[in-house]
Amino acid sequence: MTPISCKPVSARVLDAAIAWQLSLDGDASALEHEEFAKWHAAHEEHARAWRQLGMLDQRVSVASGPARNALLQSREGLRRQVRKLGRGVASVVLVVGLALFAGERYLPVDYWLADQRTATGEQRTLRLTDGTVINLNTHSALDVRFDDKQRRIVLQEGEILIETGHNDSRPFIVETRDGQMRALGTRFLVQREDQGTRLGVLQSAVAARPQAAQGEQVFKQGQQVLMRRAGLEPLPSLTPGADAWTRGMLVVDNIRLGDLIAELGRYRRGHLGVAPEVADLRITGSFPLQDTDLALNALLPTLPVQIERHTDWWVTVTAKADAKR
């Protein structure tokens, strides 16, 4: 295996590669094969993800060997999850096999084996036994670990909004790969990102402690911070619409079009891209998350752009035709 094949791919690209594999396994049309070829050639990471899937096809027997057994032993309740998946057992084998070739930050196994998870574009509200309410955003996954001493949530993937229950004396902890956050009677946002864990405090305060740090640092209402394993990086204050996704809306104020498209891309399957010549345009507004096509169409009256739809899986925002001349 070459070094480039071992290099990890992002969760989004991995999802797209799996979707393409499922699409091409059936009676795919010539157009679908053509669109796949475009996707494959568009970025080296796309080709790398596809090679990893190919290696899995050749080595799927590895998933039943020692590596798979280690994974079985490392996650409590896997057998229960497999029974729930039923016919989707093949998907478990697929993600376990991919885990053998991907870096730790991008492993899909924890997502699939989590106690609670949402699919791409799905949002859900979870009510815990202590009265805590957790909103799960798109493609998010968490484990609930309550015992006699503490209430602990392990965020495996994605983004959550937590409103803690107040009639329980046990400390409430949210943990990610980067460290942990201790709620101080509060409402707050936690999002796992490639570069760290983003914490935003909506009410009261939260004490954050990076994995490699000894002490906590308290953040109050309106503050936002990026927690890395080695330390904390202050971020701009929360915007008024930071929790609008819990109401099905994305609220932005003077951000790059490229950043808006990247955010909308979290809520839909397939490729959603933006042409470099329009990526730096600025946009302000509110966009529906349950209908990303409607959100994209809302760009047309205000920006010199057009939406190129090759298939539902391949959509690109480009410069308006007359603006290209």
Protein backbone atom coordinates (compact mmCIF):
# COMPACT_ATOMS: atom_id res chain seq x y z
CA MET A 1 0.00 0.00 0.00
CA THR A 2 1.50 3.36 -0.91
CA PRO A 3 1.72 6.22 1.63
CA ILE A 4 -0.80 8.29 -0.29
CA SER A 5 -3.35 5.48 0.01
CA CYS A 6 -2.94 5.46 3.79
CA LYS A 7 -3.50 9.19 4.15
CA PRO A 8 -6.91 9.84 5.80
CA VAL A 9 -9.85 11.32 3.94
CA SER A 10 -12.54 13.58 5.37
CA ALA A 11 -15.85 12.16 6.54
CA ARG A 12 -17.71 14.08 3.83
CA VAL A 13 -15.56 12.69 0.99
CA LEU A 14 -15.76 9.21 2.46
CA ASP A 15 -19.57 9.46 2.57
CA ALA A 16 -19.62 10.59 -1.06
CA ALA A 17 -17.36 7.71 -2.14
CA ILE A 18 -19.61 5.18 -0.41
CA ALA A 19 -22.66 6.77 -2.04
CA TRP A 20 -21.03 6.51 -5.46
CA GLN A 21 -20.15 2.87 -4.85
CA LEU A 22 -23.74 2.06 -3.94
CA SER A 23 -25.02 3.99 -6.95
CA LEU A 24 -22.67 2.28 -9.41
CA ASP A 25 -23.30 -1.20 -8.02
CA GLY A 26 -26.71 -1.27 -9.69
CA ASP A 27 -27.80 -0.47 -13.24
CA ALA A 28 -26.10 2.89 -13.39
CA SER A 29 -26.75 5.03 -16.45
CA ALA A 30 -24.06 6.39 -18.75
CA LEU A 31 -24.70 9.85 -17.27
CA GLU A 32 -24.10 8.54 -13.74
CA HIS A 33 -20.82 6.98 -14.83
CA GLU A 34 -19.85 10.26 -16.47
CA GLU A 35 -20.68 12.24 -13.32
CA PHE A 36 -18.74 9.76 -11.21
CA ALA A 37 -15.72 10.22 -13.47
CA LYS A 38 -15.95 13.99 -12.96
CA TRP A 39 -16.19 13.55 -9.20
CA HIS A 40 -13.26 11.12 -9.18
CA ALA A 41 -11.06 13.48 -11.19
CA ALA A 42 -12.08 16.65 -9.35
CA HIS A 43 -9.73 16.17 -6.38
CA GLU A 44 -6.93 13.84 -5.30
CA GLU A 45 -8.81 13.14 -2.06
CA HIS A 46 -11.75 11.77 -4.08
CA ALA A 47 -9.46 9.35 -5.89
CA ARG A 48 -7.80 8.37 -2.62
CA ALA A 49 -11.16 7.58 -0.99
CA TRP A 50 -12.12 5.46 -3.98
CA ARG A 51 -8.82 3.55 -3.80
CA GLN A 52 -9.47 2.82 -0.14
CA LEU A 53 -12.87 1.40 -1.04
CA GLY A 54 -11.19 -0.73 -3.69
CA MET A 55 -8.68 -2.03 -1.17
CA LEU A 56 -11.55 -2.93 1.11
CA ASP A 57 -13.15 -5.00 -1.65
CA GLN A 58 -9.87 -6.91 -2.03
CA ARG A 59 -9.26 -7.35 1.70
CA VAL A 60 -12.74 -7.54 3.22
CA SER A 61 -11.75 -10.79 4.92
CA VAL A 62 -9.50 -8.71 7.18
CA ALA A 63 -12.65 -7.36 8.84
CA SER A 64 -13.34 -10.78 10.32
CA GLY A 65 -9.83 -11.15 11.73
CA PRO A 66 -7.97 -9.67 14.71
CA ALA A 67 -8.63 -6.04 13.74
CA ARG A 68 -12.36 -6.55 13.77
CA ASN A 69 -12.15 -8.46 17.07
CA ALA A 70 -10.30 -5.54 18.64
CA LEU A 71 -13.05 -3.21 17.53
CA LEU A 72 -15.68 -5.56 18.89
CA GLN A 73 -14.00 -5.53 22.29
CA SER A 74 -13.46 -1.77 22.33
CA ARG A 75 -17.10 -0.71 21.99
CA GLU A 76 -19.74 -1.81 24.47
CA GLY A 77 -22.99 -3.04 22.99
CA LEU A 78 -21.82 -3.67 19.42
CA ARG A 79 -23.91 -6.82 19.18
CA ARG A 80 -27.03 -4.82 20.01
CA GLN A 81 -26.19 -2.28 17.30
CA VAL A 82 -25.64 -4.99 14.70
CA ARG A 83 -29.02 -6.55 15.48
CA LYS A 84 -30.64 -3.13 15.06
CA LEU A 85 -29.01 -2.69 11.66
CA GLY A 86 -30.43 -6.01 10.44
CA ARG A 87 -29.82 -6.15 6.71
CA GLY A 88 -27.27 -3.39 7.11
CA VAL A 89 -24.69 -5.75 8.59
CA ALA A 90 -22.75 -5.42 5.34
CA SER A 91 -22.47 -1.71 6.09
CA VAL A 92 -20.85 -2.49 9.43
CA VAL A 93 -18.27 -4.66 7.66
CA LEU A 94 -17.72 -1.84 5.18
CA VAL A 95 -17.02 0.82 7.79
CA VAL A 96 -14.88 -1.52 9.90
CA GLY A 97 -12.78 -2.28 6.84
CA LEU A 98 -12.44 1.38 6.00
CA ALA A 99 -11.29 2.01 9.56
CA LEU A 100 -8.22 -0.09 8.82
CA PHE A 101 -7.11 2.44 6.21
CA ALA A 102 -8.28 5.82 7.57
CA GLY A 103 -6.72 8.10 10.19
CA GLU A 104 -8.17 8.32 13.72
CA ARG A 105 -9.85 11.67 13.14
CA TYR A 106 -11.96 10.32 10.29
CA LEU A 107 -12.97 6.84 11.48
CA PRO A 108 -16.65 6.21 10.71
CA VAL A 109 -16.87 3.30 13.17
CA ASP A 110 -17.66 5.44 16.22
CA TYR A 111 -20.42 7.17 14.28
CA TRP A 112 -22.12 3.91 13.30
CA LEU A 113 -21.81 2.38 16.76
CA ALA A 114 -22.93 5.43 18.75
CA ASP A 115 -25.92 5.28 21.10
CA GLN A 116 -27.65 8.09 19.21
CA ARG A 117 -26.97 9.40 15.70
CA THR A 118 -28.52 11.40 12.88
CA ALA A 119 -28.12 10.91 9.15
CA THR A 120 -26.99 13.61 6.74
CA GLY A 121 -29.69 16.29 6.70
CA GLU A 122 -31.47 14.87 9.76
CA GLN A 123 -31.97 16.71 13.04
CA ARG A 124 -33.37 15.20 16.22
CA THR A 125 -34.18 16.12 19.83
CA LEU A 126 -33.12 13.76 22.61
CA ARG A 127 -34.55 13.99 26.16
CA LEU A 128 -32.46 12.32 28.85
CA THR A 129 -33.57 10.84 32.17
CA ASP A 130 -32.19 13.79 34.17
CA GLY A 131 -34.26 16.32 32.22
CA THR A 132 -31.44 17.36 29.89
CA VAL A 133 -32.47 18.14 26.30
CA ILE A 134 -29.97 17.58 23.47
CA ASN A 135 -30.53 18.69 19.88
CA LEU A 136 -28.48 16.68 17.38
CA ASN A 137 -27.58 18.42 14.15
CA THR A 138 -26.94 16.80 10.77
CA HIS A 139 -24.64 13.72 10.70
CA SER A 140 -24.02 13.75 14.44
CA ALA A 141 -23.41 10.93 16.89
CA LEU A 142 -23.03 10.67 20.65
CA ASP A 143 -22.83 8.17 23.49
CA VAL A 144 -24.65 8.62 26.81
CA ARG A 145 -22.60 7.49 29.81
CA PHE A 146 -24.51 8.22 33.03
CA ASP A 147 -23.48 6.61 36.32
CA ASP A 148 -23.78 7.34 40.05
CA LYS A 149 -20.98 9.91 40.00
CA GLN A 150 -21.45 11.89 36.79
CA ARG A 151 -23.50 12.52 33.69
CA ARG A 152 -21.21 12.18 30.69
CA ILE A 153 -21.90 12.70 26.99
CA VAL A 154 -19.27 11.61 24.45
CA LEU A 155 -19.65 13.51 21.19
CA GLN A 156 -18.30 11.23 18.46
CA GLU A 157 -19.24 13.31 15.43
CA GLY A 158 -21.09 16.46 14.40
CA GLU A 159 -22.79 19.14 16.47
CA ILE A 160 -25.13 19.28 19.45
CA LEU A 161 -26.96 21.89 21.50
CA ILE A 162 -27.36 20.98 25.17
CA GLU A 163 -29.76 22.39 27.75
CA THR A 164 -28.85 20.67 30.99
CA GLY A 165 -31.35 19.38 33.53
CA HIS A 166 -31.09 21.26 36.83
CA ASN A 167 -32.53 18.79 39.35
CA ASP A 168 -29.46 16.57 39.45
CA SER A 169 -26.37 17.15 41.60
CA ARG A 170 -24.04 15.01 39.45
CA PRO A 171 -21.63 17.01 37.26
CA PHE A 172 -22.56 17.16 33.58
CA ILE A 173 -19.58 16.52 31.29
CA VAL A 174 -19.32 16.62 27.49
CA GLU A 175 -16.25 14.85 26.16
CA THR A 176 -14.61 14.81 22.73
CA ARG A 177 -11.23 13.65 21.45
CA ASP A 178 -9.87 17.14 22.31
CA GLY A 179 -10.89 17.34 25.97
CA GLN A 180 -13.94 17.88 28.12
CA MET A 181 -16.45 20.59 28.99
CA ARG A 182 -18.24 20.83 32.36
CA ALA A 183 -21.63 22.54 32.33
CA LEU A 184 -22.27 25.14 35.02
CA GLY A 185 -26.07 25.12 34.79
CA THR A 186 -26.21 26.14 31.18
CA ARG A 187 -27.23 25.97 27.52
CA PHE A 188 -24.37 25.54 25.07
CA LEU A 189 -23.20 24.35 21.64
CA VAL A 190 -20.49 21.78 20.98
CA GLN A 191 -19.23 20.94 17.48
CA ARG A 192 -16.46 18.58 16.42
CA GLU A 193 -14.39 20.06 13.61
CA ASP A 194 -11.28 18.88 11.79
CA GLN A 195 -9.07 21.33 13.72
CA GLY A 196 -10.64 20.87 17.17
CA THR A 197 -13.85 21.14 19.19
CA ARG A 198 -15.85 24.35 19.02
CA LEU A 199 -17.65 25.44 22.20
CA GLY A 200 -20.23 28.22 22.22
CA VAL A 201 -21.96 29.30 25.44
CA LEU A 202 -25.56 30.46 24.96
CA GLN A 203 -26.48 30.81 28.66
CA SER A 204 -24.62 30.74 31.99
CA ALA A 205 -21.11 29.25 31.73
CA VAL A 206 -19.04 26.20 30.80
CA ALA A 207 -15.63 25.11 32.15
CA ALA A 208 -13.39 23.68 29.41
CA ARG A 209 -10.28 21.56 29.87
CA PRO A 210 -8.18 20.43 26.89
CA GLN A 211 -6.93 16.85 26.99
CA ALA A 212 -3.32 17.82 27.63
CA ALA A 213 -4.06 20.61 30.15
CA GLN A 214 -4.20 20.41 33.94
CA GLY A 215 -6.77 23.08 34.77
CA GLU A 216 -10.12 24.35 33.49
CA GLN A 217 -10.99 27.72 31.99
CA VAL A 218 -14.50 29.11 32.37
CA PHE A 219 -16.33 30.65 29.41
CA LYS A 220 -19.46 32.73 29.88
CA GLN A 221 -22.56 33.55 27.87
CA GLY A 222 -21.79 34.77 24.35
CA GLN A 223 -18.22 33.48 24.34
CA GLN A 224 -16.87 30.96 21.88
CA VAL A 225 -13.63 28.96 21.89
CA LEU A 226 -11.85 26.30 19.83
CA MET A 227 -10.51 23.55 22.04
CA ARG A 228 -7.52 21.62 20.75
CA ARG A 229 -5.84 18.82 22.68
CA ALA A 230 -2.99 21.11 23.68
CA GLY A 231 -4.90 24.30 24.49
CA LEU A 232 -7.72 26.76 23.93
CA GLU A 233 -8.00 29.29 21.10
CA PRO A 234 -10.43 32.21 21.58
CA LEU A 235 -12.92 32.79 18.76
CA PRO A 236 -15.19 35.74 17.89
CA SER A 237 -18.31 36.07 20.02
CA LEU A 238 -21.36 34.01 19.11
CA THR A 239 -23.67 35.54 16.53
CA PRO A 240 -27.40 35.92 17.35
CA GLY A 241 -28.30 33.08 14.97
CA ALA A 242 -25.78 30.54 16.26
CA ASP A 243 -28.54 28.16 17.39
CA ALA A 244 -30.92 28.81 14.48
CA TRP A 245 -30.19 25.34 13.09
CA THR A 246 -32.30 23.90 15.91
CA ARG A 247 -35.24 25.68 14.26
CA GLY A 248 -34.30 24.45 10.77
CA MET A 249 -32.60 27.65 9.61
CA LEU A 250 -29.07 28.79 8.82
CA VAL A 251 -28.53 32.48 9.63
CA VAL A 252 -25.41 34.17 8.22
CA ASP A 253 -24.13 37.73 8.28
CA ASN A 254 -21.68 38.91 5.62
CA ILE A 255 -19.85 35.62 5.15
CA ARG A 256 -18.11 34.24 2.07
CA LEU A 257 -20.32 32.41 -0.38
CA GLY A 258 -17.80 29.56 -0.28
CA ASP A 259 -18.30 29.22 3.48
CA LEU A 260 -22.08 29.27 3.08
CA ILE A 261 -21.96 26.51 0.45
CA ALA A 262 -19.66 24.43 2.65
CA GLU A 263 -22.13 24.74 5.51
CA LEU A 264 -25.14 23.86 3.35
CA GLY A 265 -23.15 20.90 2.05
CA ARG A 266 -23.30 19.36 5.52
CA TYR A 267 -27.05 18.95 5.09
CA ARG A 268 -27.18 17.14 1.76
CA ARG A 269 -25.67 14.02 0.25
CA GLY A 270 -23.33 14.14 -2.70
CA HIS A 271 -21.16 16.98 -3.95
CA LEU A 272 -22.11 20.62 -3.41
CA GLY A 273 -19.42 22.92 -4.71
CA VAL A 274 -18.75 26.53 -5.63
CA ALA A 275 -16.64 27.93 -8.47
CA PRO A 276 -13.51 29.81 -7.32
CA GLU A 277 -14.51 32.99 -9.18
CA VAL A 278 -17.60 33.46 -6.99
CA ALA A 279 -16.44 31.85 -3.74
CA ASP A 280 -15.40 35.18 -2.21
CA LEU A 281 -18.72 36.95 -2.79
CA ARG A 282 -20.35 38.05 0.48
CA ILE A 283 -23.82 37.00 1.57
CA THR A 284 -26.22 37.80 4.41
CA GLY A 285 -29.53 36.07 5.03
CA SER A 286 -31.50 33.14 6.41
CA PHE A 287 -31.64 29.81 4.58
CA PRO A 288 -33.80 26.71 5.15
CA LEU A 289 -31.82 23.62 6.08
CA GLN A 290 -34.54 21.07 5.36
CA ASP A 291 -34.63 22.11 1.69
CA THR A 292 -31.13 22.97 0.50
CA ASP A 293 -32.31 23.30 -3.11
CA LEU A 294 -34.62 26.10 -1.97
CA ALA A 295 -31.71 27.65 -0.07
CA LEU A 296 -29.55 27.58 -3.20
CA ASN A 297 -32.28 29.12 -5.33
CA ALA A 298 -32.51 31.98 -2.80
CA LEU A 299 -29.03 33.06 -3.90
CA LEU A 300 -30.12 33.84 -7.45
CA PRO A 301 -31.95 37.17 -6.91
CA THR A 302 -29.10 38.74 -4.94
CA LEU A 303 -25.85 37.35 -6.37
CA PRO A 304 -24.49 37.05 -9.94
CA VAL A 305 -24.53 33.26 -9.78
CA GLN A 306 -26.32 30.29 -11.28
CA ILE A 307 -26.90 26.74 -10.06
CA GLU A 308 -25.57 23.95 -12.25
CA ARG A 309 -27.30 20.66 -11.47
CA HIS A 310 -25.83 17.67 -13.29
CA THR A 311 -27.62 15.23 -11.00
CA ASP A 312 -29.05 15.49 -7.48
CA TRP A 313 -25.64 14.27 -6.32
CA TRP A 314 -23.54 16.85 -8.18
CA VAL A 315 -24.47 20.52 -7.81
CA THR A 316 -22.20 23.52 -8.30
CA VAL A 317 -22.72 27.26 -7.78
CA THR A 318 -21.00 29.09 -10.62
CA ALA A 319 -20.83 32.59 -12.08
CA LYS A 320 -23.92 33.68 -13.97
CA ALA A 321 -23.57 33.03 -17.69
CA ASP A 322 -23.63 36.69 -18.76
CA ALA A 323 -21.15 37.56 -15.99
CA LYS A 324 -18.59 35.14 -17.48
CA ARG A 325 -18.36 37.08 -20.69
